[in-house]
Amino acid sequence: MAEQSRRRVQSIEVGFRVLRVLRMAEGPLPLREIAARASMPPSKVHLYLVSFVRENMAYQEPSNGYYGLGSFAIQLGLAAVRQLDVVSLAADVLTQLRDQTDCAIYLSLWGDQGPCIVAKADGGRQGAFALRLGYILPLGTTASGLIYLAHMPRSETQALLDAQTSVRRANGGRLPLAMDQLDGPIEAVRANGYASTVGQLNQNFAAVAAPVLGPQGNLAAVLTLLGPIEYVTANRDKCVGLVPAAAQSVSRQLAEGAG
């Protein structure tokens, strides 16, 4: 029995080397680049990619032949996320908070590329502006990002902040503050128990975010309200009261479930 438990399907493990390259990429990649990052011959990588495309685990862009993760890979990731306790426990809270404010409510988890939106409840006030599931939130320029910076070890957040800065610099985007410039905002988050930003993801919108803590006091997720600046500004006391309270509600459910 012990011997059987150690048996492996080597072709699957090799295939996952290719999938990991696609997962870590900033966008679709050419075959030779995928092969180089996976340390595999291009001809071998191509065989795996043909099968992955056929099963929608990957897709190939018609214009340039580059490969990226396919629709089934996304569905698989979302299915895994839905099985996490914090996501299922937060579902009703997201809806209630949306109904109380008519703003968009998002739940994000920490991933290898930064904070990732894994659940949401869209509100009427957001109009045509909406963030998609799977969207990676900037660390240094969003309320959600400030929560992660305040609660996670700097050794984990510094590398991602540097990576996001490099990408924005290459694309000509607005650069986030350096870590030492964020010390003041981070301390304010720790003191207040929430973070707020204005005009960051969109110049017409403001956000309020609060931490969802696990049973051991660790950061499990971040709950964020995103609404028009005029609404959030006029109802600031309401928003900075409701969002932390909603996050604490999910935290209590996590603690009770662990008990």
C-alpha atoms as a PDB file:
ATOM      1  CA  MET A   1       0.000   0.000   0.000  1.00  0.00           C
ATOM      2  CA  ALA A   2       2.831   2.389   0.858  1.00  0.00           C
ATOM      3  CA  GLU A   3       4.492   1.592  -2.457  1.00  0.00           C
ATOM      4  CA  GLN A   4       1.246   2.321  -4.336  1.00  0.00           C
ATOM      5  CA  SER A   5       0.889   5.700  -2.607  1.00  0.00           C
ATOM      6  CA  ARG A   6       4.321   6.680  -3.943  1.00  0.00           C
ATOM      7  CA  ARG A   7       3.555   5.722  -7.555  1.00  0.00           C
ATOM      8  CA  ARG A   8       3.231   8.701  -9.863  1.00  0.00           C
ATOM      9  CA  VAL A   9       2.111   9.538 -13.370  1.00  0.00           C
ATOM     10  CA  GLN A  10       5.228  11.221 -14.686  1.00  0.00           C
ATOM     11  CA  SER A  11       3.576  12.698 -17.782  1.00  0.00           C
ATOM     12  CA  ILE A  12       1.106  14.586 -15.588  1.00  0.00           C
ATOM     13  CA  GLU A  13       3.910  16.013 -13.473  1.00  0.00           C
ATOM     14  CA  VAL A  14       5.760  17.121 -16.609  1.00  0.00           C
ATOM     15  CA  GLY A  15       2.578  18.684 -17.980  1.00  0.00           C
ATOM     16  CA  PHE A  16       2.170  20.695 -14.807  1.00  0.00           C
ATOM     17  CA  ARG A  17       5.589  22.233 -15.405  1.00  0.00           C
ATOM     18  CA  VAL A  18       4.097  23.782 -18.538  1.00  0.00           C
ATOM     19  CA  LEU A  19       0.920  24.877 -16.726  1.00  0.00           C
ATOM     20  CA  ARG A  20       2.939  26.502 -13.951  1.00  0.00           C
ATOM     21  CA  VAL A  21       4.782  28.605 -16.523  1.00  0.00           C
ATOM     22  CA  LEU A  22       1.461  29.781 -17.979  1.00  0.00           C
ATOM     23  CA  ARG A  23       0.110  30.502 -14.493  1.00  0.00           C
ATOM     24  CA  MET A  24       3.097  32.666 -13.532  1.00  0.00           C
ATOM     25  CA  ALA A  25       3.202  34.575 -16.831  1.00  0.00           C
ATOM     26  CA  GLU A  26       2.016  38.172 -17.105  1.00  0.00           C
ATOM     27  CA  GLY A  27       0.296  37.279 -20.381  1.00  0.00           C
ATOM     28  CA  PRO A  28       0.371  34.836 -23.304  1.00  0.00           C
ATOM     29  CA  LEU A  29       3.849  33.548 -24.210  1.00  0.00           C
ATOM     30  CA  PRO A  30       5.488  32.139 -27.359  1.00  0.00           C
ATOM     31  CA  LEU A  31       6.302  28.441 -27.455  1.00  0.00           C
ATOM     32  CA  ARG A  32      10.064  28.926 -27.151  1.00  0.00           C
ATOM     33  CA  GLU A  33       9.686  31.125 -24.081  1.00  0.00           C
ATOM     34  CA  ILE A  34       7.417  28.570 -22.392  1.00  0.00           C
ATOM     35  CA  ALA A  35       9.933  25.826 -23.191  1.00  0.00           C
ATOM     36  CA  ALA A  36      12.810  27.882 -21.788  1.00  0.00           C
ATOM     37  CA  ARG A  37      10.980  28.667 -18.559  1.00  0.00           C
ATOM     38  CA  ALA A  38       9.935  25.030 -18.150  1.00  0.00           C
ATOM     39  CA  SER A  39      13.461  23.786 -19.038  1.00  0.00           C
ATOM     40  CA  MET A  40      11.995  21.479 -21.678  1.00  0.00           C
ATOM     41  CA  PRO A  41      12.516  21.007 -25.441  1.00  0.00           C
ATOM     42  CA  PRO A  42      10.063  23.101 -27.515  1.00  0.00           C
ATOM     43  CA  SER A  43       8.894  20.010 -29.412  1.00  0.00           C
ATOM     44  CA  LYS A  44       7.886  18.312 -26.169  1.00  0.00           C
ATOM     45  CA  VAL A  45       6.191  21.425 -24.802  1.00  0.00           C
ATOM     46  CA  HIS A  46       4.250  21.731 -28.052  1.00  0.00           C
ATOM     47  CA  LEU A  47       2.760  18.252 -27.619  1.00  0.00           C
ATOM     48  CA  TYR A  48       1.475  19.156 -24.153  1.00  0.00           C
ATOM     49  CA  LEU A  49       0.124  22.493 -25.351  1.00  0.00           C
ATOM     50  CA  VAL A  50      -1.815  20.841 -28.189  1.00  0.00           C
ATOM     51  CA  SER A  51      -3.562  18.608 -25.643  1.00  0.00           C
ATOM     52  CA  PHE A  52      -4.132  21.467 -23.202  1.00  0.00           C
ATOM     53  CA  VAL A  53      -5.684  23.620 -25.949  1.00  0.00           C
ATOM     54  CA  ARG A  54      -7.945  20.736 -26.953  1.00  0.00           C
ATOM     55  CA  GLU A  55      -9.194  20.459 -23.346  1.00  0.00           C
ATOM     56  CA  ASN A  56      -9.436  24.276 -22.864  1.00  0.00           C
ATOM     57  CA  MET A  57      -6.703  24.240 -20.224  1.00  0.00           C
ATOM     58  CA  ALA A  58      -4.809  26.570 -22.568  1.00  0.00           C
ATOM     59  CA  TYR A  59      -5.578  28.665 -25.621  1.00  0.00           C
ATOM     60  CA  GLN A  60      -3.534  29.850 -28.582  1.00  0.00           C
ATOM     61  CA  GLU A  61      -3.870  33.378 -29.931  1.00  0.00           C
ATOM     62  CA  PRO A  62      -4.620  33.283 -33.681  1.00  0.00           C
ATOM     63  CA  SER A  63      -2.710  36.510 -34.368  1.00  0.00           C
ATOM     64  CA  ASN A  64       0.723  35.499 -33.057  1.00  0.00           C
ATOM     65  CA  GLY A  65       0.491  31.877 -31.895  1.00  0.00           C
ATOM     66  CA  TYR A  66       1.196  32.722 -28.246  1.00  0.00           C
ATOM     67  CA  TYR A  67      -0.257  30.498 -25.502  1.00  0.00           C
ATOM     68  CA  GLY A  68      -2.122  31.407 -22.312  1.00  0.00           C
ATOM     69  CA  LEU A  69      -4.306  29.704 -19.722  1.00  0.00           C
ATOM     70  CA  GLY A  70      -7.666  28.604 -21.105  1.00  0.00           C
ATOM     71  CA  SER A  71     -11.230  28.855 -19.874  1.00  0.00           C
ATOM     72  CA  PHE A  72     -11.216  25.484 -18.120  1.00  0.00           C
ATOM     73  CA  ALA A  73      -8.120  26.438 -16.126  1.00  0.00           C
ATOM     74  CA  ILE A  74     -10.000  29.509 -14.903  1.00  0.00           C
ATOM     75  CA  GLN A  75     -13.093  27.457 -14.072  1.00  0.00           C
ATOM     76  CA  LEU A  76     -10.940  24.971 -12.190  1.00  0.00           C
ATOM     77  CA  GLY A  77      -9.344  27.728 -10.151  1.00  0.00           C
ATOM     78  CA  LEU A  78     -12.697  29.293  -9.293  1.00  0.00           C
ATOM     79  CA  ALA A  79     -14.098  25.899  -8.305  1.00  0.00           C
ATOM     80  CA  ALA A  80     -11.198  25.421  -5.904  1.00  0.00           C
ATOM     81  CA  VAL A  81     -11.743  28.893  -4.484  1.00  0.00           C
ATOM     82  CA  ARG A  82     -15.425  28.191  -3.892  1.00  0.00           C
ATOM     83  CA  GLN A  83     -14.450  25.273  -1.668  1.00  0.00           C
ATOM     84  CA  LEU A  84     -12.502  27.520   0.683  1.00  0.00           C
ATOM     85  CA  ASP A  85     -14.322  28.211   3.942  1.00  0.00           C
ATOM     86  CA  VAL A  86     -13.733  31.948   3.883  1.00  0.00           C
ATOM     87  CA  VAL A  87     -15.327  32.327   0.446  1.00  0.00           C
ATOM     88  CA  SER A  88     -18.456  30.344   1.291  1.00  0.00           C
ATOM     89  CA  LEU A  89     -18.817  32.021   4.687  1.00  0.00           C
ATOM     90  CA  ALA A  90     -18.479  35.491   3.153  1.00  0.00           C
ATOM     91  CA  ALA A  91     -21.101  34.973   0.423  1.00  0.00           C
ATOM     92  CA  ASP A  92     -24.096  36.217   2.436  1.00  0.00           C
ATOM     93  CA  VAL A  93     -22.074  39.051   3.966  1.00  0.00           C
ATOM     94  CA  LEU A  94     -21.098  40.341   0.523  1.00  0.00           C
ATOM     95  CA  THR A  95     -24.728  40.358  -0.569  1.00  0.00           C
ATOM     96  CA  GLN A  96     -25.929  42.062   2.617  1.00  0.00           C
ATOM     97  CA  LEU A  97     -23.283  44.761   2.383  1.00  0.00           C
ATOM     98  CA  ARG A  98     -24.140  45.338  -1.277  1.00  0.00           C
ATOM     99  CA  ASP A  99     -27.844  45.654  -0.390  1.00  0.00           C
ATOM    100  CA  GLN A 100     -27.045  48.159   2.380  1.00  0.00           C
ATOM    101  CA  THR A 101     -24.987  50.428   0.136  1.00  0.00           C
ATOM    102  CA  ASP A 102     -25.762  49.475  -3.496  1.00  0.00           C
ATOM    103  CA  CYS A 103     -21.967  49.580  -4.013  1.00  0.00           C
ATOM    104  CA  ALA A 104     -19.743  46.846  -5.414  1.00  0.00           C
ATOM    105  CA  ILE A 105     -18.364  44.504  -2.748  1.00  0.00           C
ATOM    106  CA  TYR A 106     -15.279  42.357  -3.342  1.00  0.00           C
ATOM    107  CA  LEU A 107     -13.508  39.588  -1.455  1.00  0.00           C
ATOM    108  CA  SER A 108      -9.831  39.032  -2.260  1.00  0.00           C
ATOM    109  CA  LEU A 109      -7.304  36.386  -1.271  1.00  0.00           C
ATOM    110  CA  TRP A 110      -3.519  36.516  -1.358  1.00  0.00           C
ATOM    111  CA  GLY A 111      -2.012  34.682  -4.330  1.00  0.00           C
ATOM    112  CA  ASP A 112       1.446  34.297  -5.808  1.00  0.00           C
ATOM    113  CA  GLN A 113       0.920  37.424  -7.922  1.00  0.00           C
ATOM    114  CA  GLY A 114      -0.742  39.489  -5.197  1.00  0.00           C
ATOM    115  CA  PRO A 115      -4.314  40.107  -3.970  1.00  0.00           C
ATOM    116  CA  CYS A 116      -6.792  38.347  -6.248  1.00  0.00           C
ATOM    117  CA  ILE A 117     -10.554  38.957  -6.366  1.00  0.00           C
ATOM    118  CA  VAL A 118     -12.297  35.622  -5.747  1.00  0.00           C
ATOM    119  CA  ALA A 119     -15.892  36.689  -5.001  1.00  0.00           C
ATOM    120  CA  LYS A 120     -17.986  39.778  -5.610  1.00  0.00           C
ATOM    121  CA  ALA A 121     -21.462  41.299  -5.382  1.00  0.00           C
ATOM    122  CA  ASP A 122     -21.995  44.016  -7.977  1.00  0.00           C
ATOM    123  CA  GLY A 123     -23.998  47.091  -7.002  1.00  0.00           C
ATOM    124  CA  GLY A 124     -26.131  49.532  -8.943  1.00  0.00           C
ATOM    125  CA  ARG A 125     -23.951  52.528  -8.100  1.00  0.00           C
ATOM    126  CA  GLN A 126     -20.917  51.218  -9.978  1.00  0.00           C
ATOM    127  CA  GLY A 127     -22.490  51.700 -13.395  1.00  0.00           C
ATOM    128  CA  ALA A 128     -20.377  50.190 -16.173  1.00  0.00           C
ATOM    129  CA  PHE A 129     -17.220  50.020 -14.040  1.00  0.00           C
ATOM    130  CA  ALA A 130     -16.664  46.560 -12.578  1.00  0.00           C
ATOM    131  CA  LEU A 131     -13.699  44.410 -11.597  1.00  0.00           C
ATOM    132  CA  ARG A 132     -13.682  40.842 -12.866  1.00  0.00           C
ATOM    133  CA  LEU A 133     -13.105  37.706 -10.816  1.00  0.00           C
ATOM    134  CA  GLY A 134      -9.417  36.859 -10.915  1.00  0.00           C
ATOM    135  CA  TYR A 135      -8.355  40.519 -11.144  1.00  0.00           C
ATOM    136  CA  ILE A 136      -5.005  41.147  -9.411  1.00  0.00           C
ATOM    137  CA  LEU A 137      -5.195  44.258  -7.249  1.00  0.00           C
ATOM    138  CA  PRO A 138      -2.233  46.651  -7.032  1.00  0.00           C
ATOM    139  CA  LEU A 139      -0.582  46.606  -3.611  1.00  0.00           C
ATOM    140  CA  GLY A 140       0.531  50.179  -3.058  1.00  0.00           C
ATOM    141  CA  THR A 141      -2.362  52.090  -4.619  1.00  0.00           C
ATOM    142  CA  THR A 142      -5.546  50.376  -3.431  1.00  0.00           C
ATOM    143  CA  ALA A 143      -7.366  50.063  -0.125  1.00  0.00           C
ATOM    144  CA  SER A 144      -7.226  46.267  -0.429  1.00  0.00           C
ATOM    145  CA  GLY A 145      -3.490  46.369  -1.097  1.00  0.00           C
ATOM    146  CA  LEU A 146      -2.869  48.527   1.962  1.00  0.00           C
ATOM    147  CA  ILE A 147      -4.609  45.922   4.147  1.00  0.00           C
ATOM    148  CA  TYR A 148      -2.270  43.221   2.853  1.00  0.00           C
ATOM    149  CA  LEU A 149       0.765  45.441   3.355  1.00  0.00           C
ATOM    150  CA  ALA A 150      -0.329  46.135   6.930  1.00  0.00           C
ATOM    151  CA  HIS A 151      -0.972  42.517   7.894  1.00  0.00           C
ATOM    152  CA  MET A 152       1.541  40.445   5.950  1.00  0.00           C
ATOM    153  CA  PRO A 153       5.308  40.097   6.458  1.00  0.00           C
ATOM    154  CA  ARG A 154       7.300  42.607   4.475  1.00  0.00           C
ATOM    155  CA  SER A 155       9.435  39.749   3.187  1.00  0.00           C
ATOM    156  CA  GLU A 156       6.386  38.516   1.251  1.00  0.00           C
ATOM    157  CA  THR A 157       4.975  41.829   0.088  1.00  0.00           C
ATOM    158  CA  GLN A 158       8.186  43.623  -0.928  1.00  0.00           C
ATOM    159  CA  ALA A 159       8.973  41.346  -3.875  1.00  0.00           C
ATOM    160  CA  LEU A 160       5.454  41.645  -5.292  1.00  0.00           C
ATOM    161  CA  LEU A 161       5.386  45.405  -4.815  1.00  0.00           C
ATOM    162  CA  ASP A 162       8.692  45.626  -6.710  1.00  0.00           C
ATOM    163  CA  ALA A 163       7.322  43.370  -9.470  1.00  0.00           C
ATOM    164  CA  GLN A 164       4.142  45.431  -9.858  1.00  0.00           C
ATOM    165  CA  THR A 165       6.231  48.607  -9.959  1.00  0.00           C
ATOM    166  CA  SER A 166       8.417  47.161 -12.728  1.00  0.00           C
ATOM    167  CA  VAL A 167       5.388  46.186 -14.813  1.00  0.00           C
ATOM    168  CA  ARG A 168       3.791  49.610 -14.441  1.00  0.00           C
ATOM    169  CA  ARG A 169       7.062  51.347 -15.287  1.00  0.00           C
ATOM    170  CA  ALA A 170       7.402  49.233 -18.442  1.00  0.00           C
ATOM    171  CA  ASN A 171       3.803  49.981 -19.447  1.00  0.00           C
ATOM    172  CA  GLY A 172       3.974  53.677 -18.632  1.00  0.00           C
ATOM    173  CA  GLY A 173       1.449  53.430 -15.793  1.00  0.00           C
ATOM    174  CA  ARG A 174       1.329  55.416 -12.572  1.00  0.00           C
ATOM    175  CA  LEU A 175       3.875  53.989 -10.153  1.00  0.00           C
ATOM    176  CA  PRO A 176       2.872  52.999  -6.601  1.00  0.00           C
ATOM    177  CA  LEU A 177       4.677  54.490  -3.640  1.00  0.00           C
ATOM    178  CA  ALA A 178       7.875  52.790  -2.476  1.00  0.00           C
ATOM    179  CA  MET A 179       7.630  50.715   0.675  1.00  0.00           C
ATOM    180  CA  ASP A 180       9.265  53.349   2.885  1.00  0.00           C
ATOM    181  CA  GLN A 181       6.745  55.920   1.618  1.00  0.00           C
ATOM    182  CA  LEU A 182       3.922  53.581   2.588  1.00  0.00           C
ATOM    183  CA  ASP A 183       4.929  53.322   6.251  1.00  0.00           C
ATOM    184  CA  GLY A 184       2.542  56.127   7.275  1.00  0.00           C
ATOM    185  CA  PRO A 185      -0.522  54.752   5.457  1.00  0.00           C
ATOM    186  CA  ILE A 186       0.269  51.240   6.731  1.00  0.00           C
ATOM    187  CA  GLU A 187       0.417  52.431  10.342  1.00  0.00           C
ATOM    188  CA  ALA A 188      -2.885  54.257   9.847  1.00  0.00           C
ATOM    189  CA  VAL A 189      -4.466  51.008   8.632  1.00  0.00           C
ATOM    190  CA  ARG A 190      -3.220  49.168  11.714  1.00  0.00           C
ATOM    191  CA  ALA A 191      -4.507  51.912  14.009  1.00  0.00           C
ATOM    192  CA  ASN A 192      -7.913  52.345  12.334  1.00  0.00           C
ATOM    193  CA  GLY A 193      -8.644  48.738  11.402  1.00  0.00           C
ATOM    194  CA  TYR A 194      -9.502  49.655   7.816  1.00  0.00           C
ATOM    195  CA  ALA A 195      -8.037  51.329   4.723  1.00  0.00           C
ATOM    196  CA  SER A 196      -9.570  53.861   2.354  1.00  0.00           C
ATOM    197  CA  THR A 197      -8.487  55.306  -0.979  1.00  0.00           C
ATOM    198  CA  VAL A 198      -9.945  57.781  -3.463  1.00  0.00           C
ATOM    199  CA  GLY A 199      -9.572  57.725  -7.235  1.00  0.00           C
ATOM    200  CA  GLN A 200      -7.053  54.895  -7.469  1.00  0.00           C
ATOM    201  CA  LEU A 201      -8.529  52.075  -9.561  1.00  0.00           C
ATOM    202  CA  ASN A 202     -10.778  54.616 -11.261  1.00  0.00           C
ATOM    203  CA  GLN A 203     -10.687  58.393 -10.840  1.00  0.00           C
ATOM    204  CA  ASN A 204     -14.426  58.478 -10.084  1.00  0.00           C
ATOM    205  CA  PHE A 205     -14.463  55.775  -7.398  1.00  0.00           C
ATOM    206  CA  ALA A 206     -13.419  55.423  -3.765  1.00  0.00           C
ATOM    207  CA  ALA A 207     -12.844  52.280  -1.711  1.00  0.00           C
ATOM    208  CA  VAL A 208     -12.982  51.112   1.894  1.00  0.00           C
ATOM    209  CA  ALA A 209     -11.374  47.790   2.843  1.00  0.00           C
ATOM    210  CA  ALA A 210     -11.062  45.764   6.045  1.00  0.00           C
ATOM    211  CA  PRO A 211      -9.271  42.542   7.032  1.00  0.00           C
ATOM    212  CA  VAL A 212     -10.909  39.164   7.524  1.00  0.00           C
ATOM    213  CA  LEU A 213      -8.843  37.374  10.156  1.00  0.00           C
ATOM    214  CA  GLY A 214      -8.418  33.640  10.606  1.00  0.00           C
ATOM    215  CA  PRO A 215      -8.717  31.764  13.913  1.00  0.00           C
ATOM    216  CA  GLN A 216      -5.046  32.393  14.704  1.00  0.00           C
ATOM    217  CA  GLY A 217      -5.292  36.119  13.988  1.00  0.00           C
ATOM    218  CA  ASN A 218      -3.680  35.732  10.556  1.00  0.00           C
ATOM    219  CA  LEU A 219      -5.010  37.568   7.515  1.00  0.00           C
ATOM    220  CA  ALA A 220      -7.422  35.230   5.711  1.00  0.00           C
ATOM    221  CA  ALA A 221      -8.973  37.637   3.177  1.00  0.00           C
ATOM    222  CA  VAL A 222      -9.846  41.274   2.559  1.00  0.00           C
ATOM    223  CA  LEU A 223     -13.364  42.668   2.167  1.00  0.00           C
ATOM    224  CA  THR A 224     -13.650  45.817   0.037  1.00  0.00           C
ATOM    225  CA  LEU A 225     -16.414  48.278  -0.839  1.00  0.00           C
ATOM    226  CA  LEU A 226     -16.005  50.222  -4.081  1.00  0.00           C
ATOM    227  CA  GLY A 227     -18.400  53.057  -4.899  1.00  0.00           C
ATOM    228  CA  PRO A 228     -18.651  56.489  -6.521  1.00  0.00           C
ATOM    229  CA  ILE A 229     -16.545  59.122  -4.769  1.00  0.00           C
ATOM    230  CA  GLU A 230     -19.536  61.367  -4.075  1.00  0.00           C
ATOM    231  CA  TYR A 231     -21.450  58.533  -2.377  1.00  0.00           C
ATOM    232  CA  VAL A 232     -18.559  57.170  -0.327  1.00  0.00           C
ATOM    233  CA  THR A 233     -17.487  60.678   0.712  1.00  0.00           C
ATOM    234  CA  ALA A 234     -21.002  61.728   1.710  1.00  0.00           C
ATOM    235  CA  ASN A 235     -21.538  58.449   3.599  1.00  0.00           C
ATOM    236  CA  ARG A 236     -18.015  57.968   4.936  1.00  0.00           C
ATOM    237  CA  ASP A 237     -19.062  57.216   8.526  1.00  0.00           C
ATOM    238  CA  LYS A 238     -21.544  54.630   7.274  1.00  0.00           C
ATOM    239  CA  CYS A 239     -19.006  52.956   4.983  1.00  0.00           C
ATOM    240  CA  VAL A 240     -16.147  52.824   7.490  1.00  0.00           C
ATOM    241  CA  GLY A 241     -18.602  51.381   9.993  1.00  0.00           C
ATOM    242  CA  LEU A 242     -20.249  48.764   7.794  1.00  0.00           C
ATOM    243  CA  VAL A 243     -17.165  47.348   6.043  1.00  0.00           C
ATOM    244  CA  PRO A 244     -15.083  46.516   9.155  1.00  0.00           C
ATOM    245  CA  ALA A 245     -18.198  45.153  10.878  1.00  0.00           C
ATOM    246  CA  ALA A 246     -18.911  42.887   7.905  1.00  0.00           C
ATOM    247  CA  ALA A 247     -15.292  41.680   7.844  1.00  0.00           C
ATOM    248  CA  GLN A 248     -15.419  40.978  11.581  1.00  0.00           C
ATOM    249  CA  SER A 249     -18.594  38.964  11.047  1.00  0.00           C
ATOM    250  CA  VAL A 250     -16.783  36.657   8.618  1.00  0.00           C
ATOM    251  CA  SER A 251     -13.824  36.469  11.018  1.00  0.00           C
ATOM    252  CA  ARG A 252     -16.129  35.298  13.806  1.00  0.00           C
ATOM    253  CA  GLN A 253     -17.646  32.637  11.549  1.00  0.00           C
ATOM    254  CA  LEU A 254     -14.154  31.372  10.720  1.00  0.00           C
ATOM    255  CA  ALA A 255     -13.302  31.199  14.430  1.00  0.00           C
ATOM    256  CA  GLU A 256     -16.510  29.362  15.242  1.00  0.00           C
ATOM    257  CA  GLY A 257     -15.916  26.892  12.423  1.00  0.00           C
ATOM    258  CA  ALA A 258     -12.411  26.186  13.699  1.00  0.00           C
ATOM    259  CA  GLY A 259     -13.745  25.626  17.213  1.00  0.00           C
END
